[in-house]
Amino acid sequence: MKNTSSYVASAPLSFRRAESDGDLTELVRLRDAAARWQIECGIEQWQPGELDEDHFRRRLHEGEVWLATLGPDGPSAGAWELWWDDEPAWGAQPPVAGYVHRLMTDRRTAPPGAGRVLLAEAERRIAAYGRELCRLDCLTSNDRLRRYYEEAGYAVVGEQAGKAGDGGRTYGVTLLEKRVEV
């Protein structure tokens, strides 16, 4: 295993699309680690084991999944999914937005502020695709995450009650969006 302490201090984040079976394993590891951290912090959002390699394999075929690493060859620092529509949460919409899902950082390796860097990269990709809005959602009960997104420039534009989740749970979501420079 690589010593990651020197990466944190010196290497900028690099981004690449996930594509291999090894990437799927890493995405599950990142998601489960983020879920465990949320539970430790008293945040009700994700549960370990909810998503498996099949979930991320489907996302690779239906959208984009991005990995962030410490430098081009360093360890994983985080990941996110980028969707080009999201009817379950947002309903039918004109093609003006990209939708960020499962933004996650590795608490062991990601430098401070990495989540915002990942979010900014997702926004950049959305703008490069010619879409003017970045949209995301979080559990209505997750005030901490909603504040995080609001502090990053996102505005609450609605709520949806009773969304069926990946784990079969039903929950409400807060819908947020931000205009990006196209």
N, C-alpha and C. Protein backbone atom coordinates (compact mmCIF):
# COMPACT_ATOMS: atom_id res chain seq x y z
N MET A 1 0.84 -1.19 0.00
CA MET A 1 0.00 0.00 0.00
C MET A 1 0.88 1.24 0.00
N LYS A 2 0.47 2.25 -0.77
CA LYS A 2 1.24 3.49 -0.86
C LYS A 2 1.09 4.31 0.42
N ASN A 3 2.14 5.00 0.80
CA ASN A 3 2.07 5.96 1.88
C ASN A 3 1.39 7.20 1.30
N THR A 4 0.21 7.52 1.83
CA THR A 4 -0.56 8.61 1.24
C THR A 4 -0.28 9.96 1.85
N SER A 5 0.45 10.03 2.95
CA SER A 5 0.64 11.31 3.61
C SER A 5 1.34 12.33 2.71
N SER A 6 2.31 11.91 1.89
CA SER A 6 2.98 12.85 1.01
C SER A 6 2.08 13.31 -0.13
N TYR A 7 1.11 12.46 -0.55
CA TYR A 7 0.18 12.86 -1.60
C TYR A 7 -0.72 13.99 -1.12
N VAL A 8 -1.22 13.88 0.10
CA VAL A 8 -2.15 14.87 0.62
C VAL A 8 -1.52 16.25 0.61
N ALA A 9 -0.26 16.34 1.00
CA ALA A 9 0.40 17.64 1.10
C ALA A 9 0.80 18.20 -0.26
N SER A 10 1.10 17.34 -1.23
CA SER A 10 1.73 17.86 -2.45
C SER A 10 0.95 17.64 -3.75
N ALA A 11 0.09 16.67 -3.82
CA ALA A 11 -0.52 16.34 -5.11
C ALA A 11 -1.90 16.96 -5.26
N PRO A 12 -2.15 17.63 -6.39
CA PRO A 12 -3.51 18.10 -6.66
C PRO A 12 -4.39 16.90 -7.01
N LEU A 13 -5.68 17.11 -6.95
CA LEU A 13 -6.59 16.03 -7.34
C LEU A 13 -6.60 15.89 -8.86
N SER A 14 -6.62 14.65 -9.30
CA SER A 14 -6.78 14.33 -10.72
C SER A 14 -8.12 13.62 -10.87
N PHE A 15 -8.72 13.73 -12.05
CA PHE A 15 -10.03 13.15 -12.29
C PHE A 15 -10.01 12.26 -13.51
N ARG A 16 -10.73 11.14 -13.42
CA ARG A 16 -10.87 10.26 -14.58
C ARG A 16 -12.20 9.53 -14.47
N ARG A 17 -12.73 9.17 -15.64
CA ARG A 17 -13.97 8.38 -15.63
C ARG A 17 -13.66 6.98 -15.17
N ALA A 18 -14.55 6.44 -14.35
CA ALA A 18 -14.45 5.05 -13.93
C ALA A 18 -14.83 4.18 -15.12
N GLU A 19 -14.16 3.02 -15.25
CA GLU A 19 -14.48 2.16 -16.39
C GLU A 19 -14.17 0.69 -16.17
N SER A 20 -13.33 0.34 -15.23
CA SER A 20 -12.91 -1.06 -15.09
C SER A 20 -13.59 -1.74 -13.91
N ASP A 21 -13.47 -3.07 -13.85
CA ASP A 21 -14.00 -3.82 -12.72
C ASP A 21 -13.31 -3.39 -11.43
N GLY A 22 -12.03 -3.08 -11.49
CA GLY A 22 -11.33 -2.58 -10.31
C GLY A 22 -11.91 -1.27 -9.82
N ASP A 23 -12.35 -0.43 -10.76
CA ASP A 23 -13.00 0.83 -10.38
C ASP A 23 -14.31 0.55 -9.65
N LEU A 24 -15.04 -0.47 -10.09
CA LEU A 24 -16.30 -0.81 -9.42
C LEU A 24 -16.06 -1.20 -7.97
N THR A 25 -15.04 -2.01 -7.75
CA THR A 25 -14.68 -2.41 -6.38
C THR A 25 -14.32 -1.19 -5.55
N GLU A 26 -13.57 -0.28 -6.12
CA GLU A 26 -13.16 0.93 -5.41
C GLU A 26 -14.36 1.82 -5.11
N LEU A 27 -15.30 1.94 -6.03
CA LEU A 27 -16.49 2.76 -5.81
C LEU A 27 -17.33 2.21 -4.65
N VAL A 28 -17.47 0.89 -4.58
CA VAL A 28 -18.21 0.28 -3.47
C VAL A 28 -17.48 0.55 -2.16
N ARG A 29 -16.15 0.42 -2.17
CA ARG A 29 -15.37 0.69 -0.96
C ARG A 29 -15.54 2.13 -0.50
N LEU A 30 -15.44 3.08 -1.44
CA LEU A 30 -15.61 4.50 -1.10
C LEU A 30 -17.00 4.77 -0.54
N ARG A 31 -18.02 4.21 -1.18
CA ARG A 31 -19.41 4.44 -0.75
C ARG A 31 -19.65 3.88 0.64
N ASP A 32 -19.18 2.65 0.88
CA ASP A 32 -19.38 2.04 2.19
C ASP A 32 -18.61 2.78 3.28
N ALA A 33 -17.40 3.24 2.98
CA ALA A 33 -16.62 4.01 3.96
C ALA A 33 -17.32 5.33 4.27
N ALA A 34 -17.85 5.99 3.26
CA ALA A 34 -18.57 7.24 3.48
C ALA A 34 -19.83 6.99 4.31
N ALA A 35 -20.51 5.88 4.06
CA ALA A 35 -21.71 5.55 4.83
C ALA A 35 -21.35 5.30 6.29
N ARG A 36 -20.27 4.58 6.54
CA ARG A 36 -19.84 4.33 7.93
C ARG A 36 -19.49 5.64 8.64
N TRP A 37 -18.80 6.55 7.94
CA TRP A 37 -18.46 7.84 8.52
C TRP A 37 -19.74 8.62 8.86
N GLN A 38 -20.72 8.63 7.95
CA GLN A 38 -21.97 9.33 8.21
C GLN A 38 -22.64 8.79 9.47
N ILE A 39 -22.68 7.48 9.60
CA ILE A 39 -23.30 6.87 10.78
C ILE A 39 -22.56 7.29 12.05
N GLU A 40 -21.22 7.27 12.00
CA GLU A 40 -20.41 7.69 13.16
C GLU A 40 -20.71 9.13 13.56
N CYS A 41 -21.04 9.97 12.58
CA CYS A 41 -21.33 11.38 12.83
C CYS A 41 -22.80 11.64 13.14
N GLY A 42 -23.60 10.59 13.17
CA GLY A 42 -25.02 10.76 13.44
C GLY A 42 -25.81 11.28 12.26
N ILE A 43 -25.28 11.12 11.05
CA ILE A 43 -25.94 11.58 9.83
C ILE A 43 -26.73 10.42 9.24
N GLU A 44 -28.01 10.61 9.05
CA GLU A 44 -28.85 9.58 8.42
C GLU A 44 -28.95 9.86 6.94
N GLN A 45 -28.18 9.19 6.15
CA GLN A 45 -28.20 9.37 4.70
C GLN A 45 -27.98 8.03 4.01
N TRP A 46 -26.81 7.44 4.17
CA TRP A 46 -26.46 6.19 3.51
C TRP A 46 -26.24 5.08 4.53
N GLN A 47 -26.33 3.83 4.07
CA GLN A 47 -26.03 2.67 4.88
C GLN A 47 -24.99 1.82 4.15
N PRO A 48 -24.00 1.27 4.86
CA PRO A 48 -23.03 0.38 4.21
C PRO A 48 -23.77 -0.81 3.58
N GLY A 49 -23.28 -1.25 2.44
CA GLY A 49 -23.85 -2.41 1.76
C GLY A 49 -25.08 -2.13 0.92
N GLU A 50 -25.56 -0.90 0.88
CA GLU A 50 -26.75 -0.58 0.09
C GLU A 50 -26.50 -0.71 -1.41
N LEU A 51 -25.31 -0.32 -1.85
CA LEU A 51 -24.98 -0.33 -3.28
C LEU A 51 -23.82 -1.28 -3.52
N ASP A 52 -23.94 -2.05 -4.61
CA ASP A 52 -22.89 -3.01 -4.94
C ASP A 52 -22.29 -2.68 -6.30
N GLU A 53 -21.42 -3.55 -6.77
CA GLU A 53 -20.77 -3.31 -8.07
C GLU A 53 -21.79 -3.22 -9.20
N ASP A 54 -22.88 -3.98 -9.11
CA ASP A 54 -23.91 -3.92 -10.16
C ASP A 54 -24.51 -2.52 -10.27
N HIS A 55 -24.72 -1.86 -9.13
CA HIS A 55 -25.25 -0.50 -9.16
C HIS A 55 -24.31 0.40 -9.97
N PHE A 56 -23.02 0.37 -9.62
CA PHE A 56 -22.07 1.25 -10.30
C PHE A 56 -21.86 0.84 -11.75
N ARG A 57 -21.94 -0.43 -12.06
CA ARG A 57 -21.84 -0.90 -13.45
C ARG A 57 -23.00 -0.29 -14.27
N ARG A 58 -24.21 -0.31 -13.71
CA ARG A 58 -25.36 0.31 -14.40
C ARG A 58 -25.13 1.79 -14.61
N ARG A 59 -24.60 2.47 -13.59
CA ARG A 59 -24.35 3.90 -13.71
C ARG A 59 -23.30 4.20 -14.78
N LEU A 60 -22.31 3.32 -14.93
CA LEU A 60 -21.31 3.51 -15.99
C LEU A 60 -21.96 3.47 -17.37
N HIS A 61 -22.99 2.64 -17.51
CA HIS A 61 -23.66 2.51 -18.81
C HIS A 61 -24.74 3.56 -19.03
N GLU A 62 -25.31 4.09 -17.95
CA GLU A 62 -26.42 5.04 -18.07
C GLU A 62 -26.00 6.49 -17.90
N GLY A 63 -24.79 6.73 -17.43
CA GLY A 63 -24.33 8.09 -17.18
C GLY A 63 -22.82 8.12 -17.09
N GLU A 64 -22.33 8.89 -16.16
CA GLU A 64 -20.90 9.00 -15.95
C GLU A 64 -20.61 8.80 -14.46
N VAL A 65 -19.52 8.11 -14.18
CA VAL A 65 -19.03 7.98 -12.82
C VAL A 65 -17.58 8.43 -12.84
N TRP A 66 -17.23 9.31 -11.93
CA TRP A 66 -15.91 9.92 -11.91
C TRP A 66 -15.17 9.58 -10.62
N LEU A 67 -13.89 9.32 -10.74
CA LEU A 67 -13.01 9.07 -9.61
C LEU A 67 -12.02 10.22 -9.50
N ALA A 68 -11.74 10.63 -8.28
CA ALA A 68 -10.70 11.61 -8.00
C ALA A 68 -9.56 10.88 -7.31
N THR A 69 -8.35 11.17 -7.74
CA THR A 69 -7.17 10.56 -7.11
C THR A 69 -6.21 11.67 -6.70
N LEU A 70 -5.32 11.33 -5.79
CA LEU A 70 -4.29 12.27 -5.37
C LEU A 70 -3.17 12.18 -6.41
N GLY A 71 -3.14 13.14 -7.32
CA GLY A 71 -2.21 13.08 -8.43
C GLY A 71 -2.67 12.02 -9.42
N PRO A 72 -2.03 11.94 -10.57
CA PRO A 72 -2.48 11.00 -11.60
C PRO A 72 -2.34 9.53 -11.22
N ASP A 73 -1.41 9.20 -10.34
CA ASP A 73 -1.18 7.79 -9.99
C ASP A 73 -1.41 7.50 -8.52
N GLY A 74 -1.97 8.44 -7.80
CA GLY A 74 -2.14 8.28 -6.36
C GLY A 74 -3.39 7.52 -5.99
N PRO A 75 -3.61 7.38 -4.69
CA PRO A 75 -4.78 6.66 -4.20
C PRO A 75 -6.06 7.46 -4.43
N SER A 76 -7.18 6.79 -4.35
CA SER A 76 -8.48 7.43 -4.50
C SER A 76 -8.71 8.44 -3.40
N ALA A 77 -9.30 9.58 -3.79
CA ALA A 77 -9.67 10.60 -2.82
C ALA A 77 -11.18 10.78 -2.78
N GLY A 78 -11.90 10.30 -3.80
CA GLY A 78 -13.35 10.45 -3.82
C GLY A 78 -13.93 10.08 -5.17
N ALA A 79 -15.23 10.29 -5.29
CA ALA A 79 -15.94 9.96 -6.53
C ALA A 79 -17.31 10.63 -6.53
N TRP A 80 -17.95 10.60 -7.69
CA TRP A 80 -19.33 11.05 -7.82
C TRP A 80 -19.92 10.47 -9.09
N GLU A 81 -21.25 10.46 -9.12
CA GLU A 81 -22.00 10.07 -10.32
C GLU A 81 -22.53 11.34 -10.97
N LEU A 82 -22.52 11.37 -12.30
CA LEU A 82 -23.08 12.48 -13.05
C LEU A 82 -24.13 11.92 -13.99
N TRP A 83 -25.36 12.37 -13.80
CA TRP A 83 -26.49 11.92 -14.61
C TRP A 83 -26.93 13.07 -15.51
N TRP A 84 -27.54 12.73 -16.64
CA TRP A 84 -28.03 13.75 -17.56
C TRP A 84 -29.54 13.93 -17.48
N ASP A 85 -30.21 13.13 -16.67
CA ASP A 85 -31.61 13.36 -16.29
C ASP A 85 -31.83 12.64 -14.97
N ASP A 86 -32.89 13.03 -14.30
CA ASP A 86 -33.23 12.43 -13.00
C ASP A 86 -34.73 12.56 -12.77
N GLU A 87 -35.48 11.83 -13.58
CA GLU A 87 -36.94 11.90 -13.46
C GLU A 87 -37.48 11.45 -12.11
N PRO A 88 -36.89 10.43 -11.46
CA PRO A 88 -37.45 10.04 -10.16
C PRO A 88 -37.49 11.19 -9.15
N ALA A 89 -36.48 12.04 -9.12
CA ALA A 89 -36.46 13.14 -8.16
C ALA A 89 -37.01 14.43 -8.73
N TRP A 90 -36.71 14.72 -10.00
CA TRP A 90 -37.01 16.03 -10.57
C TRP A 90 -38.17 16.02 -11.56
N GLY A 91 -38.68 14.85 -11.91
CA GLY A 91 -39.72 14.78 -12.93
C GLY A 91 -39.14 15.02 -14.30
N ALA A 92 -39.98 15.01 -15.31
CA ALA A 92 -39.53 15.28 -16.68
C ALA A 92 -39.08 16.74 -16.76
N GLN A 93 -37.88 16.94 -17.28
CA GLN A 93 -37.29 18.28 -17.37
C GLN A 93 -36.68 18.48 -18.74
N PRO A 94 -36.63 19.73 -19.21
CA PRO A 94 -35.88 19.98 -20.45
C PRO A 94 -34.39 19.71 -20.18
N PRO A 95 -33.62 19.45 -21.23
CA PRO A 95 -32.19 19.10 -21.05
C PRO A 95 -31.32 20.32 -20.74
N VAL A 96 -31.49 20.89 -19.56
CA VAL A 96 -30.74 22.09 -19.18
C VAL A 96 -29.83 21.85 -17.98
N ALA A 97 -29.81 20.62 -17.43
CA ALA A 97 -29.08 20.38 -16.19
C ALA A 97 -28.32 19.06 -16.24
N GLY A 98 -27.31 18.99 -15.39
CA GLY A 98 -26.65 17.74 -15.03
C GLY A 98 -26.96 17.50 -13.56
N TYR A 99 -26.99 16.23 -13.15
CA TYR A 99 -27.41 15.87 -11.81
C TYR A 99 -26.28 15.11 -11.11
N VAL A 100 -25.83 15.64 -9.99
CA VAL A 100 -24.75 15.03 -9.23
C VAL A 100 -25.36 14.13 -8.16
N HIS A 101 -24.86 12.90 -8.11
CA HIS A 101 -25.30 11.93 -7.11
C HIS A 101 -24.08 11.28 -6.48
N ARG A 102 -24.24 10.85 -5.25
CA ARG A 102 -23.24 10.07 -4.52
C ARG A 102 -21.86 10.73 -4.48
N LEU A 103 -21.84 12.02 -4.24
CA LEU A 103 -20.58 12.72 -4.04
C LEU A 103 -19.97 12.20 -2.74
N MET A 104 -18.76 11.66 -2.81
CA MET A 104 -18.14 11.04 -1.64
C MET A 104 -16.64 11.25 -1.66
N THR A 105 -16.07 11.41 -0.47
CA THR A 105 -14.63 11.53 -0.34
C THR A 105 -14.12 10.44 0.59
N ASP A 106 -12.86 10.11 0.42
CA ASP A 106 -12.21 9.14 1.28
C ASP A 106 -11.62 9.90 2.46
N ARG A 107 -12.16 9.70 3.64
CA ARG A 107 -11.75 10.45 4.82
C ARG A 107 -10.28 10.20 5.18
N ARG A 108 -9.70 9.10 4.70
CA ARG A 108 -8.29 8.79 5.01
C ARG A 108 -7.31 9.52 4.11
N THR A 109 -7.69 9.78 2.88
CA THR A 109 -6.73 10.31 1.91
C THR A 109 -7.07 11.68 1.34
N ALA A 110 -8.34 12.04 1.31
CA ALA A 110 -8.73 13.30 0.67
C ALA A 110 -8.24 14.50 1.48
N PRO A 111 -7.66 15.47 0.82
CA PRO A 111 -7.23 16.67 1.54
C PRO A 111 -8.45 17.48 1.99
N PRO A 112 -8.28 18.35 2.97
CA PRO A 112 -9.39 19.21 3.39
C PRO A 112 -9.95 19.97 2.20
N GLY A 113 -11.26 20.06 2.13
CA GLY A 113 -11.92 20.77 1.04
C GLY A 113 -12.10 19.96 -0.23
N ALA A 114 -11.73 18.68 -0.21
CA ALA A 114 -11.81 17.87 -1.43
C ALA A 114 -13.24 17.75 -1.95
N GLY A 115 -14.21 17.69 -1.06
CA GLY A 115 -15.60 17.58 -1.50
C GLY A 115 -16.01 18.74 -2.39
N ARG A 116 -15.59 19.94 -2.01
CA ARG A 116 -15.90 21.13 -2.82
C ARG A 116 -15.17 21.08 -4.16
N VAL A 117 -13.95 20.55 -4.15
CA VAL A 117 -13.18 20.44 -5.40
C VAL A 117 -13.89 19.45 -6.34
N LEU A 118 -14.35 18.33 -5.81
CA LEU A 118 -15.09 17.36 -6.62
C LEU A 118 -16.36 17.98 -7.17
N LEU A 119 -17.08 18.71 -6.33
CA LEU A 119 -18.32 19.35 -6.76
C LEU A 119 -18.03 20.37 -7.86
N ALA A 120 -16.97 21.16 -7.71
CA ALA A 120 -16.60 22.14 -8.74
C ALA A 120 -16.24 21.45 -10.05
N GLU A 121 -15.58 20.30 -9.99
CA GLU A 121 -15.24 19.56 -11.21
C GLU A 121 -16.52 19.04 -11.88
N ALA A 122 -17.47 18.56 -11.09
CA ALA A 122 -18.74 18.12 -11.65
C ALA A 122 -19.45 19.29 -12.33
N GLU A 123 -19.45 20.44 -11.69
CA GLU A 123 -20.06 21.65 -12.28
C GLU A 123 -19.37 22.01 -13.59
N ARG A 124 -18.04 21.93 -13.61
CA ARG A 124 -17.28 22.24 -14.82
C ARG A 124 -17.67 21.29 -15.96
N ARG A 125 -17.81 20.00 -15.64
CA ARG A 125 -18.19 19.01 -16.66
C ARG A 125 -19.59 19.30 -17.19
N ILE A 126 -20.50 19.67 -16.31
CA ILE A 126 -21.87 19.98 -16.72
C ILE A 126 -21.86 21.18 -17.66
N ALA A 127 -21.13 22.22 -17.31
CA ALA A 127 -21.03 23.40 -18.17
C ALA A 127 -20.40 23.05 -19.51
N ALA A 128 -19.35 22.22 -19.50
CA ALA A 128 -18.70 21.82 -20.74
C ALA A 128 -19.63 21.02 -21.64
N TYR A 129 -20.59 20.35 -21.04
CA TYR A 129 -21.59 19.58 -21.79
C TYR A 129 -22.67 20.50 -22.37
N GLY A 130 -22.62 21.79 -21.99
CA GLY A 130 -23.57 22.77 -22.51
C GLY A 130 -24.83 22.93 -21.67
N ARG A 131 -24.80 22.40 -20.46
CA ARG A 131 -25.96 22.52 -19.58
C ARG A 131 -25.72 23.66 -18.60
N GLU A 132 -26.75 24.41 -18.26
CA GLU A 132 -26.59 25.61 -17.45
C GLU A 132 -26.85 25.44 -15.95
N LEU A 133 -27.36 24.27 -15.55
CA LEU A 133 -27.66 24.06 -14.14
C LEU A 133 -27.02 22.77 -13.63
N CYS A 134 -26.53 22.84 -12.40
CA CYS A 134 -26.11 21.63 -11.68
C CYS A 134 -27.17 21.40 -10.62
N ARG A 135 -27.72 20.20 -10.61
CA ARG A 135 -28.77 19.87 -9.65
C ARG A 135 -28.33 18.67 -8.81
N LEU A 136 -28.83 18.66 -7.58
CA LEU A 136 -28.58 17.54 -6.68
C LEU A 136 -29.69 17.50 -5.65
N ASP A 137 -29.69 16.45 -4.85
CA ASP A 137 -30.68 16.35 -3.79
C ASP A 137 -30.04 15.71 -2.57
N CYS A 138 -30.71 15.88 -1.44
CA CYS A 138 -30.28 15.21 -0.20
C CYS A 138 -31.53 14.91 0.61
N LEU A 139 -31.41 14.03 1.57
CA LEU A 139 -32.54 13.72 2.42
C LEU A 139 -33.05 14.99 3.08
N THR A 140 -34.34 15.15 3.10
CA THR A 140 -34.93 16.32 3.74
C THR A 140 -34.51 16.41 5.20
N SER A 141 -34.28 15.28 5.83
CA SER A 141 -33.88 15.26 7.24
C SER A 141 -32.40 15.58 7.46
N ASN A 142 -31.62 15.71 6.38
CA ASN A 142 -30.18 15.93 6.51
C ASN A 142 -29.85 17.42 6.41
N ASP A 143 -30.10 18.15 7.50
CA ASP A 143 -29.84 19.59 7.52
C ASP A 143 -28.37 19.92 7.29
N ARG A 144 -27.49 19.09 7.80
CA ARG A 144 -26.05 19.34 7.67
C ARG A 144 -25.62 19.33 6.21
N LEU A 145 -26.07 18.34 5.45
CA LEU A 145 -25.71 18.26 4.03
C LEU A 145 -26.37 19.38 3.24
N ARG A 146 -27.63 19.71 3.56
CA ARG A 146 -28.29 20.81 2.87
C ARG A 146 -27.50 22.11 3.07
N ARG A 147 -27.05 22.37 4.30
CA ARG A 147 -26.25 23.58 4.57
C ARG A 147 -24.93 23.55 3.79
N TYR A 148 -24.31 22.38 3.72
CA TYR A 148 -23.06 22.24 2.96
C TYR A 148 -23.27 22.68 1.51
N TYR A 149 -24.34 22.20 0.89
CA TYR A 149 -24.61 22.57 -0.50
C TYR A 149 -25.00 24.04 -0.62
N GLU A 150 -25.76 24.56 0.32
CA GLU A 150 -26.12 25.98 0.27
C GLU A 150 -24.86 26.84 0.39
N GLU A 151 -23.93 26.45 1.24
CA GLU A 151 -22.68 27.20 1.38
C GLU A 151 -21.83 27.12 0.12
N ALA A 152 -22.07 26.11 -0.71
CA ALA A 152 -21.36 25.97 -1.99
C ALA A 152 -22.11 26.70 -3.12
N GLY A 153 -23.15 27.46 -2.78
CA GLY A 153 -23.85 28.26 -3.78
C GLY A 153 -25.14 27.66 -4.32
N TYR A 154 -25.60 26.57 -3.75
CA TYR A 154 -26.84 25.93 -4.22
C TYR A 154 -28.04 26.52 -3.51
N ALA A 155 -29.15 26.62 -4.24
CA ALA A 155 -30.40 27.13 -3.68
C ALA A 155 -31.41 25.99 -3.62
N VAL A 156 -32.15 25.94 -2.53
CA VAL A 156 -33.24 24.98 -2.41
C VAL A 156 -34.36 25.43 -3.34
N VAL A 157 -34.79 24.52 -4.21
CA VAL A 157 -35.85 24.85 -5.17
C VAL A 157 -37.09 23.98 -5.01
N GLY A 158 -37.06 23.07 -4.04
CA GLY A 158 -38.24 22.25 -3.79
C GLY A 158 -37.94 21.06 -2.92
N GLU A 159 -39.00 20.34 -2.62
CA GLU A 159 -38.89 19.09 -1.86
C GLU A 159 -39.79 18.08 -2.52
N GLN A 160 -39.42 16.83 -2.37
CA GLN A 160 -40.25 15.75 -2.88
C GLN A 160 -40.40 14.72 -1.76
N ALA A 161 -41.62 14.41 -1.42
CA ALA A 161 -41.87 13.42 -0.36
C ALA A 161 -42.04 12.04 -0.98
N GLY A 162 -41.61 11.05 -0.25
CA GLY A 162 -41.92 9.68 -0.63
C GLY A 162 -41.13 9.10 -1.77
N LYS A 163 -39.89 9.51 -1.98
CA LYS A 163 -39.06 8.93 -3.04
C LYS A 163 -38.61 7.53 -2.60
N ALA A 164 -38.71 6.55 -3.50
CA ALA A 164 -38.24 5.19 -3.20
C ALA A 164 -36.74 5.12 -3.48
N GLY A 165 -35.98 4.66 -2.49
CA GLY A 165 -34.53 4.63 -2.61
C GLY A 165 -34.00 3.30 -3.10
N ASP A 166 -32.66 3.26 -3.31
CA ASP A 166 -31.99 2.06 -3.79
C ASP A 166 -32.17 0.88 -2.83
N GLY A 167 -32.24 1.16 -1.54
CA GLY A 167 -32.38 0.10 -0.55
C GLY A 167 -33.82 -0.26 -0.26
N GLY A 168 -34.78 0.27 -1.01
CA GLY A 168 -36.19 -0.01 -0.80
C GLY A 168 -36.84 0.91 0.22
N ARG A 169 -36.07 1.81 0.84
CA ARG A 169 -36.63 2.76 1.80
C ARG A 169 -37.37 3.87 1.05
N THR A 170 -38.35 4.46 1.72
CA THR A 170 -39.03 5.63 1.19
C THR A 170 -38.62 6.82 2.03
N TYR A 171 -38.29 7.93 1.38
CA TYR A 171 -37.80 9.10 2.10
C TYR A 171 -38.06 10.35 1.28
N GLY A 172 -38.07 11.50 1.95
CA GLY A 172 -38.22 12.79 1.28
C GLY A 172 -36.87 13.37 0.92
N VAL A 173 -36.82 14.12 -0.16
CA VAL A 173 -35.58 14.76 -0.58
C VAL A 173 -35.79 16.25 -0.78
N THR A 174 -34.73 16.99 -0.48
CA THR A 174 -34.66 18.42 -0.77
C THR A 174 -33.94 18.57 -2.10
N LEU A 175 -34.51 19.33 -3.00
CA LEU A 175 -33.94 19.55 -4.34
C LEU A 175 -33.19 20.87 -4.34
N LEU A 176 -31.95 20.85 -4.82
CA LEU A 176 -31.11 22.04 -4.88
C LEU A 176 -30.51 22.20 -6.27
N GLU A 177 -30.26 23.45 -6.66
CA GLU A 177 -29.61 23.69 -7.95
C GLU A 177 -28.74 24.92 -7.90
N LYS A 178 -27.82 24.97 -8.86
CA LYS A 178 -26.88 26.09 -8.99
C LYS A 178 -26.65 26.35 -10.47
N ARG A 179 -26.66 27.60 -10.87
CA ARG A 179 -26.35 27.98 -12.26
C ARG A 179 -24.85 27.85 -12.46
N VAL A 180 -24.42 27.27 -13.58
CA VAL A 180 -23.00 27.14 -13.91
C VAL A 180 -22.72 27.92 -15.17
N GLU A 181 -21.49 28.35 -15.33
CA GLU A 181 -21.07 29.11 -16.51
C GLU A 181 -20.90 28.18 -17.70
N VAL A 182 -21.72 28.37 -18.73
CA VAL A 182 -21.63 27.54 -19.95
C VAL A 182 -20.69 28.20 -20.93
